[in-house]
Protein backbone atom coordinates (compact mmCIF):
# COMPACT_ATOMS: atom_id res chain seq x y z
CA MET A 1 138.79 130.70 155.73
CA LEU A 2 137.62 134.41 157.17
CA ILE A 3 138.43 137.72 154.84
CA LYS A 4 140.14 139.37 157.76
CA ASN A 5 142.93 136.56 157.34
CA LEU A 6 143.07 136.76 153.53
CA SER A 7 146.98 138.57 153.85
CA GLU A 8 148.37 135.28 155.66
CA PHE A 9 147.19 132.57 152.67
CA LEU A 10 149.36 134.72 149.85
CA GLY A 11 149.39 132.79 146.30
CA GLN A 12 147.06 129.88 148.20
CA GLU A 13 143.73 128.71 147.17
CA VAL A 14 141.02 129.48 149.15
CA GLU A 15 137.10 129.31 149.94
CA ILE A 16 135.20 132.14 151.33
CA ARG A 17 131.62 132.09 153.00
CA GLY A 18 129.51 135.22 152.79
CA TRP A 19 126.99 137.68 150.49
CA VAL A 20 127.55 140.14 147.94
CA TYR A 21 127.36 143.83 149.06
CA ASN A 22 128.19 145.21 145.82
CA LEU A 23 128.38 143.63 141.76
CA ARG A 24 129.41 145.51 138.83
CA SER A 25 130.73 143.47 135.44
CA SER A 26 133.61 145.47 132.68
CA GLY A 27 132.96 142.81 129.48
CA ASN A 28 134.75 139.54 130.02
CA ILE A 29 134.92 140.60 134.00
CA PHE A 30 132.87 141.15 137.23
CA PHE A 31 134.50 142.51 140.22
CA LEU A 32 131.95 140.46 143.62
CA GLN A 33 132.58 142.73 146.75
CA ILE A 34 132.21 140.41 149.75
CA ARG A 35 130.96 140.56 152.77
CA ASP A 36 131.44 137.68 155.48
CA GLY A 37 131.03 139.31 158.71
CA SER A 38 134.96 139.45 159.39
CA GLY A 39 135.45 141.77 156.87
CA PHE A 40 134.86 142.85 153.56
CA ALA A 41 136.77 142.05 149.92
CA GLN A 42 136.85 141.95 146.34
CA ALA A 43 136.51 138.73 144.35
CA VAL A 44 137.54 138.90 140.14
CA VAL A 45 135.91 136.90 138.26
CA SER A 46 137.34 136.35 134.55
CA LYS A 47 135.05 135.02 132.07
CA ASP A 48 138.56 133.29 130.26
CA SER A 49 139.38 131.89 133.43
CA VAL A 50 135.85 130.24 134.80
CA PRO A 51 134.24 127.02 133.40
CA GLU A 52 130.76 128.87 131.71
CA GLN A 53 128.28 128.07 134.70
CA VAL A 54 130.71 130.06 136.85
CA TRP A 55 130.20 133.09 134.45
CA ALA A 56 125.99 132.06 134.21
CA ASP A 57 126.16 132.42 137.70
CA CYS A 58 127.48 135.48 137.82
CA ALA A 59 125.13 136.58 135.68
CA LYS A 60 122.09 135.66 138.00
CA LEU A 61 123.86 137.32 141.13
CA SER A 62 122.17 140.43 142.60
CA LEU A 63 122.51 142.48 146.21
CA GLU A 64 123.02 140.48 149.21
CA SER A 65 122.86 136.95 147.77
CA SER A 66 125.04 134.80 149.29
CA ILE A 67 127.89 132.69 148.09
CA ILE A 68 130.28 130.05 148.88
CA ILE A 69 133.51 130.83 146.50
CA LYS A 70 136.69 130.33 145.69
CA GLY A 71 139.96 131.01 144.64
CA LYS A 72 143.49 132.44 144.76
CA VAL A 73 144.76 135.38 147.34
CA THR A 74 146.24 138.54 145.25
CA GLN A 75 147.59 141.23 146.70
CA HIS A 76 146.38 144.45 145.04
CA PRO A 77 147.03 145.97 141.56
CA ARG A 78 146.92 149.64 143.27
CA GLN A 79 146.66 149.64 147.18
CA ALA A 80 148.53 148.63 149.36
CA ASP A 81 147.78 145.78 152.35
CA VAL A 82 144.25 145.10 150.49
CA PHE A 83 143.86 141.23 148.95
CA GLU A 84 141.29 139.99 146.92
CA LEU A 85 140.93 136.94 144.89
CA GLN A 86 140.92 135.52 141.80
CA ALA A 87 137.65 133.47 141.51
CA THR A 88 138.08 129.82 139.52
CA VAL A 89 134.70 128.35 141.38
CA LEU A 90 131.21 130.33 143.07
CA GLN A 91 127.97 128.26 144.19
CA ILE A 92 125.05 130.26 144.95
CA VAL A 93 124.04 129.28 148.34
CA GLN A 94 120.61 132.04 147.85
CA ALA A 95 120.34 134.32 145.19
CA ALA A 96 118.50 137.70 146.66
CA ALA A 97 115.20 139.24 146.04
CA GLU A 98 115.43 142.67 144.68
CA TYR A 99 117.68 144.86 148.07
CA PRO A 100 115.18 147.29 149.22
CA ILE A 101 117.86 149.61 150.00
CA GLY A 102 119.44 151.31 147.25
CA LYS A 103 122.31 153.14 146.59
CA LYS A 104 120.75 156.02 146.20
CA GLU A 105 120.20 158.12 149.77
CA HIS A 106 117.64 157.20 152.25
CA GLY A 107 116.24 159.10 155.01
CA PRO A 108 116.05 157.64 158.37
CA ASP A 109 112.41 156.22 159.26
CA PHE A 110 112.93 154.43 156.46
CA LEU A 111 116.32 153.09 157.25
CA MET A 112 114.91 151.93 160.70
CA GLU A 113 111.95 150.36 158.86
CA TYR A 114 114.70 148.53 157.35
CA ARG A 115 117.38 148.53 160.66
CA HIS A 116 117.24 144.61 160.38
CA LEU A 117 118.94 144.91 156.84
CA TRP A 118 120.25 148.26 157.40
CA LEU A 119 122.93 146.44 159.78
CA ARG A 120 124.71 144.45 156.67
CA SER A 121 125.86 147.82 155.64
CA PRO A 122 129.51 148.82 156.04
CA LYS A 123 128.58 151.83 158.75
CA GLN A 124 126.43 149.51 160.45
CA TRP A 125 129.13 147.03 161.06
CA ALA A 126 131.70 149.48 162.07
CA ILE A 127 129.70 150.76 164.92
CA LEU A 128 128.48 146.83 165.71
CA ARG A 129 131.71 146.35 165.64
CA VAL A 130 133.29 149.41 168.14
CA ARG A 131 129.95 148.53 170.50
CA ASP A 132 131.63 145.05 170.78
CA ALA A 133 135.11 146.27 171.54
CA ILE A 134 133.98 149.26 174.60
CA MET A 135 131.78 146.27 176.10
CA LEU A 136 135.44 143.98 176.21
CA ALA A 137 137.14 147.25 177.10
CA ILE A 138 134.89 147.94 179.99
CA GLU A 139 135.40 144.02 181.27
CA GLU A 140 138.46 144.40 180.40
CA PHE A 141 139.40 147.61 183.08
CA LEU A 142 137.10 145.87 185.35
CA HIS A 143 138.66 142.81 185.78
CA SER A 144 142.13 144.55 186.11
CA ALA A 145 140.78 146.52 188.82
CA ASP A 146 139.65 143.26 190.70
CA PHE A 147 135.95 144.07 190.12
CA VAL A 148 133.73 140.48 189.49
CA ARG A 149 130.79 140.64 187.68
CA VAL A 150 126.82 140.17 190.34
CA ASP A 151 124.45 140.56 187.87
CA SER A 152 121.51 142.73 188.58
CA PRO A 153 117.32 141.18 188.53
CA ILE A 154 115.71 143.48 185.22
CA PHE A 155 112.49 142.78 187.39
CA THR A 156 112.63 145.03 190.50
CA PRO A 157 110.15 145.59 193.20
CA ASN A 158 111.00 149.20 193.90
CA ALA A 159 112.66 152.24 191.99
CA CYS A 160 116.65 153.45 192.12
CA GLU A 161 115.13 157.11 191.51
CA GLY A 162 111.50 157.25 192.19
CA THR A 163 109.03 155.89 189.65
CA THR A 164 108.01 158.55 186.65
CA THR A 165 110.45 157.27 184.94
CA LEU A 166 109.52 153.13 185.06
CA PHE A 167 107.89 150.95 183.12
CA GLN A 168 105.31 149.06 185.11
CA VAL A 169 104.96 145.41 184.91
CA PRO A 170 101.77 143.06 186.54
CA TYR A 171 103.83 140.95 188.66
CA PHE A 172 101.87 137.59 189.46
CA ASP A 173 99.85 137.53 192.36
CA LEU A 174 102.49 139.89 194.07
CA GLY A 175 101.09 143.27 192.54
CA THR A 176 103.29 145.85 190.69
CA ALA A 177 106.75 145.17 189.56
CA TYR A 178 109.34 147.56 187.31
CA LEU A 179 112.17 147.22 184.68
CA SER A 180 115.22 148.00 186.37
CA GLN A 181 116.02 151.51 185.50
CA SER A 182 119.75 150.72 187.09
CA GLY A 183 121.39 147.61 189.30
CA GLN A 184 122.98 149.93 191.43
CA LEU A 185 120.78 148.75 194.92
CA TYR A 186 121.88 145.33 194.36
CA LEU A 187 125.26 146.03 193.78
CA GLU A 188 125.51 147.55 197.22
CA ALA A 189 123.79 144.69 198.32
CA ALA A 190 127.19 142.28 196.48
CA ILE A 191 129.44 144.53 197.61
CA ALA A 192 129.78 143.10 201.45
CA SER A 193 130.30 139.59 199.64
CA VAL A 194 132.45 140.55 196.50
CA GLY A 195 134.26 143.65 197.30
CA ARG A 196 133.60 145.31 194.05
CA CYS A 197 131.32 144.24 191.54
CA TYR A 198 129.22 145.25 188.13
CA ASP A 199 127.02 144.39 186.14
CA PHE A 200 126.08 144.69 182.45
CA GLY A 201 123.00 144.58 180.64
CA PRO A 202 119.99 146.02 179.46
CA VAL A 203 117.78 148.72 181.29
CA PHE A 204 114.70 151.10 181.34
CA ARG A 205 113.57 154.92 181.46
CA ALA A 206 110.16 155.54 180.22
CA GLU A 207 111.53 158.56 179.91
CA LYS A 208 109.23 160.95 176.64
CA SER A 209 112.34 162.34 175.97
CA LYS A 210 113.21 162.37 171.28
CA THR A 211 116.91 163.90 171.53
CA LYS A 212 119.24 161.80 169.95
CA ARG A 213 120.93 160.89 172.78
CA HIS A 214 117.61 158.34 174.64
CA LEU A 215 116.70 155.47 174.03
CA THR A 216 114.25 153.25 176.45
CA GLU A 217 115.75 150.11 176.59
CA PHE A 218 119.87 150.80 176.64
CA TRP A 219 122.76 148.92 177.95
CA MET A 220 124.25 150.25 180.91
CA MET A 221 127.66 149.01 183.48
CA ASP A 222 126.56 149.93 186.95
CA ALA A 223 129.93 149.47 189.33
CA GLU A 224 130.28 149.52 192.83
CA ALA A 225 133.07 149.36 195.28
CA ALA A 226 133.22 148.98 199.02
CA PHE A 227 135.91 151.22 201.00
CA VAL A 228 136.40 153.79 197.69
CA GLU A 229 135.31 157.41 198.56
CA HIS A 230 134.46 160.41 196.33
CA GLU A 231 137.81 161.08 194.70
CA GLU A 232 139.22 157.59 194.09
CA ASN A 233 135.63 156.42 192.55
CA LEU A 234 135.99 159.65 190.22
CA GLN A 235 139.85 158.25 189.01
CA ILE A 236 138.11 155.19 188.70
CA GLN A 237 135.57 156.46 186.09
CA GLU A 238 138.45 158.66 184.38
CA ASN A 239 140.77 155.43 184.55
CA LEU A 240 138.68 153.52 182.57
CA THR A 241 137.40 156.04 179.73
CA ARG A 242 140.43 156.22 179.24
CA TYR A 243 141.00 152.57 179.01
CA ILE A 244 138.17 152.44 176.47
CA ILE A 245 139.34 155.30 174.56
CA ARG A 246 143.14 153.70 173.89
CA TYR A 247 141.46 150.10 173.84
CA CYS A 248 139.69 151.78 170.22
CA LEU A 249 142.77 153.48 169.04
CA THR A 250 144.12 150.22 169.36
CA TYR A 251 141.98 147.58 167.79
CA CYS A 252 138.87 149.50 165.50
CA GLN A 253 141.53 151.77 162.89
CA LYS A 254 139.69 149.71 159.92
CA GLU A 255 135.92 150.74 161.80
CA LEU A 256 136.79 154.07 162.41
CA ALA A 257 138.34 154.47 159.27
CA ILE A 258 135.22 153.67 157.57
CA LEU A 259 132.85 156.03 159.84
CA GLU A 260 135.30 158.33 159.12
CA ARG A 261 136.28 159.28 162.54
CA ASP A 262 138.65 161.72 163.62
CA THR A 263 141.03 160.08 166.07
CA THR A 264 142.94 162.56 166.97
CA LYS A 265 140.72 164.12 168.79
CA LEU A 266 140.04 160.71 170.42
CA ALA A 267 144.02 160.31 170.98
CA GLN A 268 143.33 164.08 173.22
CA VAL A 269 141.06 162.38 174.99
CA ASP A 270 144.18 160.49 176.93
CA ALA A 271 145.17 163.13 179.16
CA PRO A 272 144.27 163.88 182.99
CA PHE A 273 140.31 165.42 182.53
CA VAL A 274 139.14 168.80 184.32
CA ARG A 275 136.93 168.47 187.27
CA LEU A 276 133.97 171.13 188.22
CA ASN A 277 132.00 172.15 190.98
CA TYR A 278 128.58 172.75 190.15
CA LYS A 279 128.20 176.74 191.40
CA GLU A 280 131.39 177.24 188.78
CA ALA A 281 129.92 175.18 185.99
CA ILE A 282 126.87 177.06 186.61
CA ALA A 283 129.07 180.26 186.74
CA LYS A 284 130.86 179.37 183.12
CA LEU A 285 127.77 178.28 181.86
CA ARG A 286 126.30 181.47 181.92
CA GLN A 287 129.64 183.58 180.91
CA LEU A 288 129.10 181.18 177.97
CA GLY A 289 125.40 182.43 177.49
CA SER A 290 123.09 179.80 179.29
CA ASP A 291 120.67 181.11 180.99
CA ILE A 292 120.33 178.26 183.39
CA LYS A 293 120.50 179.10 186.89
CA GLU A 294 121.33 177.69 189.67
CA GLY A 295 118.80 174.79 191.63
CA GLU A 296 118.63 173.48 187.65
CA ASP A 297 119.85 170.75 185.79
CA LEU A 298 122.16 170.61 182.87
CA GLY A 299 120.12 170.56 179.74
CA ASN A 300 121.62 169.56 176.20
CA ASP A 301 123.04 172.47 175.19
CA ASP A 302 124.57 173.41 178.44
CA GLU A 303 126.92 170.36 178.27
CA VAL A 304 127.86 170.82 174.91
CA LEU A 305 128.14 174.41 175.47
CA LEU A 306 130.66 173.29 178.65
CA THR A 307 133.09 171.85 176.46
CA LYS A 308 132.77 172.81 173.53
CA ASP A 309 136.28 174.02 173.66
CA SER A 310 137.36 171.63 175.83
CA PRO A 311 139.96 168.30 174.82
CA VAL A 312 139.33 166.24 177.49
CA PRO A 313 136.01 165.79 179.20
CA ILE A 314 134.68 167.60 182.38
CA PHE A 315 133.54 166.28 185.81
CA ILE A 316 130.81 168.36 186.88
CA GLU A 317 130.95 167.89 190.77
CA LYS A 318 129.11 168.00 194.46
CA TRP A 319 125.83 169.18 192.51
CA PRO A 320 122.54 170.34 195.14
CA ALA A 321 121.32 167.34 196.90
CA ASN A 322 117.56 168.14 196.25
CA ILE A 323 117.09 167.64 193.00
CA LYS A 324 119.60 164.24 193.12
CA PRO A 325 118.55 160.90 194.62
CA PHE A 326 118.06 159.93 197.94
CA TYR A 327 121.59 157.75 198.76
CA MET A 328 123.80 159.71 197.55
CA LYS A 329 126.69 160.87 200.46
CA ARG A 330 126.38 164.57 201.72
CA ASP A 331 129.34 166.43 201.93
CA ALA A 332 131.05 166.90 204.79
CA GLN A 333 131.74 170.90 203.72
CA ASN A 334 128.53 171.28 202.96
CA SER A 335 125.44 169.48 204.28
CA GLU A 336 123.01 171.15 201.14
CA LEU A 337 126.42 168.96 198.35
CA VAL A 338 125.58 165.50 198.04
CA LEU A 339 129.32 163.84 196.56
CA ASN A 340 128.70 162.94 192.96
CA SER A 341 129.90 163.80 189.31
CA ASP A 342 128.72 163.31 185.86
CA LEU A 343 131.35 163.23 183.73
CA ILE A 344 130.37 165.06 180.12
CA ALA A 345 132.63 164.05 177.19
CA THR A 346 133.79 165.87 174.37
CA GLU A 347 132.29 166.82 171.09
CA GLY A 348 128.97 167.40 172.38
CA ALA A 349 129.14 163.63 173.50
CA GLY A 350 127.06 165.16 176.20
CA GLU A 351 126.99 162.98 179.41
CA LEU A 352 128.23 159.61 179.72
CA ILE A 353 129.25 158.36 183.16
CA GLY A 354 127.30 159.20 186.88
CA GLY A 355 128.39 158.71 189.78
CA SER A 356 128.17 159.35 193.80
CA GLN A 357 129.77 158.09 197.00
CA ARG A 358 126.26 156.33 198.67
CA GLU A 359 124.86 157.03 202.19
CA ASP A 360 126.56 154.59 204.41
CA ASN A 361 124.60 155.59 207.96
CA TYR A 362 121.13 154.48 208.57
CA ASP A 363 119.19 157.17 210.21
CA SER A 364 120.76 159.55 207.71
CA LEU A 365 119.61 157.17 205.24
CA LEU A 366 116.02 156.19 206.73
CA GLU A 367 115.41 160.28 207.39
CA ARG A 368 116.12 160.35 203.40
CA LEU A 369 113.99 158.00 202.17
CA LYS A 370 111.15 159.57 204.37
CA ALA A 371 111.83 163.00 203.16
CA GLU A 372 111.69 161.57 199.51
CA GLY A 373 108.57 160.67 200.34
CA LEU A 374 109.01 156.55 199.67
CA LYS A 375 107.93 153.75 201.47
CA VAL A 376 110.18 152.20 204.39
CA GLU A 377 109.45 149.31 204.20
CA ASP A 378 109.96 148.84 200.17
CA TYR A 379 114.06 149.30 201.21
CA GLU A 380 113.92 147.55 204.31
CA TRP A 381 116.28 145.31 202.14
CA TYR A 382 118.49 148.16 201.21
CA LEU A 383 118.36 149.44 205.21
CA ASP A 384 119.33 146.56 205.74
CA LEU A 385 123.07 147.07 204.23
CA ARG A 386 123.46 150.13 207.07
CA ARG A 387 122.40 147.68 209.70
CA TYR A 388 125.22 144.87 209.06
CA GLY A 389 128.87 145.76 208.74
CA SER A 390 128.04 149.44 206.69
CA VAL A 391 131.00 151.11 205.17
CA PRO A 392 132.07 153.56 203.01
CA HIS A 393 131.71 152.67 199.24
CA SER A 394 131.13 154.22 195.82
CA GLY A 395 129.81 153.72 192.65
CA PHE A 396 128.76 154.41 189.10
CA GLY A 397 127.49 153.96 185.50
CA ILE A 398 128.36 154.42 181.86
CA GLY A 399 125.74 154.25 179.00
CA LEU A 400 126.69 152.50 176.68
CA GLU A 401 125.12 153.60 173.37
CA ARG A 402 126.35 157.29 174.59
CA THR A 403 130.05 155.79 174.77
CA VAL A 404 129.80 153.98 171.16
CA ARG A 405 128.04 157.23 170.04
CA TRP A 406 131.14 159.18 171.71
CA ILE A 407 133.30 157.00 169.83
CA THR A 408 131.98 156.29 166.76
CA GLY A 409 131.17 160.14 165.90
CA VAL A 410 127.43 158.72 164.67
CA GLU A 411 125.05 161.50 165.11
CA HIS A 412 121.94 159.57 166.78
CA VAL A 413 122.48 157.07 169.41
CA ARG A 414 119.47 154.85 167.84
CA GLU A 415 122.01 153.19 165.29
CA CYS A 416 124.54 152.38 168.69
CA ILE A 417 122.23 149.48 169.71
CA PRO A 418 121.37 147.07 167.21
CA PHE A 419 117.49 147.23 167.12
CA PRO A 420 116.95 151.22 168.98
CA ARG A 421 113.82 151.22 171.45
CA THR A 422 112.92 154.65 171.43
CA ILE A 423 109.10 156.86 172.40
CA ASN A 424 107.86 156.60 168.81
CA ARG A 425 109.40 152.53 167.36
CA LEU A 426 108.58 149.09 168.63
CA LYS A 427 109.93 147.58 165.77
CA PRO A 428 111.45 145.35 164.32
């Protein structure tokens, strides 16, 4: 049985299979802290209640030894809703060697070298489970809104936003391929089939960035929807974000408690989001002391500054066209702006979502491709989407690890993916 179900077997004999993540002895009693993946529990081994061999085996146990243990489920004497095991049978599956991660404080570089073992800690366990919950919430929300999963390729012949931040890969006799930075272009093709679609998988950015919010390999959910324009696109993004928060507050209470997350701040997010256009955001930042100038992108410090007193995330919409990708549709009221948005989360989490209405006019898109200096022949298939039944459409992408970082409150995004890849880390 699983530890998470102990409460259902009060007073009954059960068997648990797992690992000893902590242990101590007090005279004639061993206290074993057991982890089985589903949760954590204490097993109490009393010398007077077990065979001599069981007591002798307890003395052989070390941190992270794997065991099978049987006993009676009882209520913890001092903690409500906590259940433990009064052990009667113990089998050592493997007595672990001396565990390299001790109880003392370890630096992040040391812990990353032992990432394969660090994942076993309660904090990392909690982060992984929150990550899983966020993925479930995203897919549950999207299916409820009639989106269909359509996976896009990781090997791509061209880029979504230029090739300067892409990893190049030799591709047989066909020349150079790139590791995808987004599945957006392919999703735009799929909407003419299924109407609304999304993909969810790893993407790659070759930026030489060392911030606590950047990875070179991370997971992204990209969504695209036919006949959805800018305003509706913003509303879908807001509804998704609020759904994720509600889901985690409902199903991740134990994990968030382990992480000592202030859930009152997360609960405040479930309210209408603030919207600022780019010009308003720049003006507000300058009032707050930033030296940012119009026409510049927001840096990490600017995003933190802009949201520091806001209980809810902020949409920054309608950015200058000259600093945004070719595929974004121009604002009909001001052709120097595009119908796009970045969603900046609270508590210093920074940008979570980027989205836009896409250019659906063939001539306009062709003009943009040429202006960007991109090879038109590489995008002929993308232009075809504007030749054959083009419709207004919009989409967005949400970064999974950044969302995990925001909801868990951890300091660095490298803890939000099982095995992080950064500019200075390729293993384990």
